Protein backbone atom coordinates (compact mmCIF):
# COMPACT_ATOMS: atom_id res chain seq x y z
CA UNK A 1 109.59 1.01 86.96
CA UNK A 2 113.16 2.19 86.56
CA UNK A 3 115.23 0.45 83.89
CA UNK A 4 118.96 -0.20 84.03
CA UNK A 5 119.60 2.19 81.13
CA UNK A 6 117.92 4.98 83.13
CA UNK A 7 120.47 4.52 85.89
CA UNK A 8 123.77 4.19 84.13
CA UNK A 9 124.85 4.79 80.57
CA UNK A 10 128.30 3.81 79.46
CA UNK A 11 131.27 1.75 80.37
CA UNK A 12 132.32 1.32 83.98
CA UNK A 13 135.86 2.67 83.82
CA UNK A 14 137.71 0.83 86.57
CA UNK A 15 140.97 2.50 85.54
CA UNK A 16 139.54 5.78 86.90
CA UNK A 17 139.41 4.17 90.33
CA UNK A 18 142.96 2.83 90.06
CA UNK A 19 144.28 6.16 88.75
CA UNK A 20 143.07 7.96 91.89
CA UNK A 21 144.91 5.64 94.27
CA UNK A 22 148.32 6.89 95.33
CA UNK A 23 149.09 4.23 97.93
CA UNK A 24 150.85 1.23 96.33
CA UNK A 25 149.60 -1.21 98.97
CA UNK A 26 146.00 -0.13 98.46
CA UNK A 27 146.40 -0.30 94.68
CA UNK A 28 147.73 -3.86 94.97
CA UNK A 29 144.78 -4.81 97.19
CA UNK A 30 142.25 -3.29 94.77
CA UNK A 31 143.77 -5.07 91.79
CA UNK A 32 143.39 -8.40 93.61
CA UNK A 33 139.57 -8.09 93.72
CA UNK A 34 137.23 -9.67 91.18
CA UNK A 35 135.67 -7.67 88.39
CA UNK A 36 132.34 -7.68 90.26
CA UNK A 37 133.93 -6.20 93.38
CA UNK A 38 135.66 -3.47 91.39
CA UNK A 39 132.49 -2.60 89.46
CA UNK A 40 130.54 -2.24 92.71
CA UNK A 41 133.26 0.00 94.18
CA UNK A 42 133.44 2.14 91.04
CA UNK A 43 129.71 2.62 90.77
CA UNK A 44 129.39 3.48 94.45
CA UNK A 45 132.45 5.69 94.85
CA UNK A 46 133.04 7.29 91.44
CA UNK A 47 129.55 7.34 90.00
CA UNK A 48 127.76 7.82 93.37
CA UNK A 49 125.06 5.24 92.62
CA UNK A 50 122.72 3.74 95.22
CA UNK A 51 122.93 0.03 95.90
CA UNK A 52 119.67 -0.56 94.03
CA UNK A 53 121.03 1.36 91.04
CA UNK A 54 124.28 -0.62 91.18
CA UNK A 55 122.40 -3.90 91.33
CA UNK A 56 120.22 -2.97 88.39
CA UNK A 57 123.20 -1.76 86.34
CA UNK A 58 125.22 -4.96 86.76
CA UNK A 59 122.45 -7.52 87.11
CA UNK A 60 122.43 -8.33 90.82
CA UNK A 61 120.08 -7.43 93.65
CA UNK A 62 120.50 -4.18 95.53
CA UNK A 63 121.12 -6.17 98.71
CA UNK A 64 123.90 -8.18 97.04
CA UNK A 65 125.45 -4.94 95.80
CA UNK A 66 125.33 -3.54 99.34
CA UNK A 67 126.79 -6.70 100.89
CA UNK A 68 129.50 -6.85 98.24
CA UNK A 69 130.46 -3.21 98.84
CA UNK A 70 130.71 -3.53 102.61
CA UNK A 71 132.58 -6.85 102.39
CA UNK A 72 135.13 -5.25 100.07
CA UNK A 73 135.54 -2.32 102.46
CA UNK A 74 136.13 -4.76 105.34
CA UNK A 75 138.71 -6.69 103.32
CA UNK A 76 140.53 -3.49 102.38
CA UNK A 77 140.66 -2.33 105.99
CA UNK A 78 141.81 -5.75 107.16
CA UNK A 79 144.56 -5.87 104.51
CA UNK A 80 145.68 -2.38 105.43
CA UNK A 81 145.88 -3.48 109.06
CA UNK A 82 143.30 -1.19 110.57
CA UNK A 83 142.64 -3.55 113.49
CA UNK A 84 140.10 -6.16 114.46
CA UNK A 85 137.24 -3.66 114.15
CA UNK A 86 138.15 -2.92 110.55
CA UNK A 87 135.16 -2.53 108.32
CA UNK A 88 132.57 -1.73 110.99
CA UNK A 89 132.26 1.89 109.92
CA UNK A 90 132.88 3.72 106.70
């Protein structure tokens, strides 16, 4: 069975995510999310981890990691005003 340390070694550097964002509105939205939300985004986007790997690394189920990720994406799209269908596709 895979262990959390096999998946991810090191600190989750959320500042790397913030440093890549050039849109002030998006940066403000990202900074409003909880630490859990930001960790899930970082591990998925920057570290390219699967949802199961993310869950194992931060102590939640893979399904919760997946739901958290897609809910954050929906919230971002809604806040950016991408319409009523915001968040249905990535």
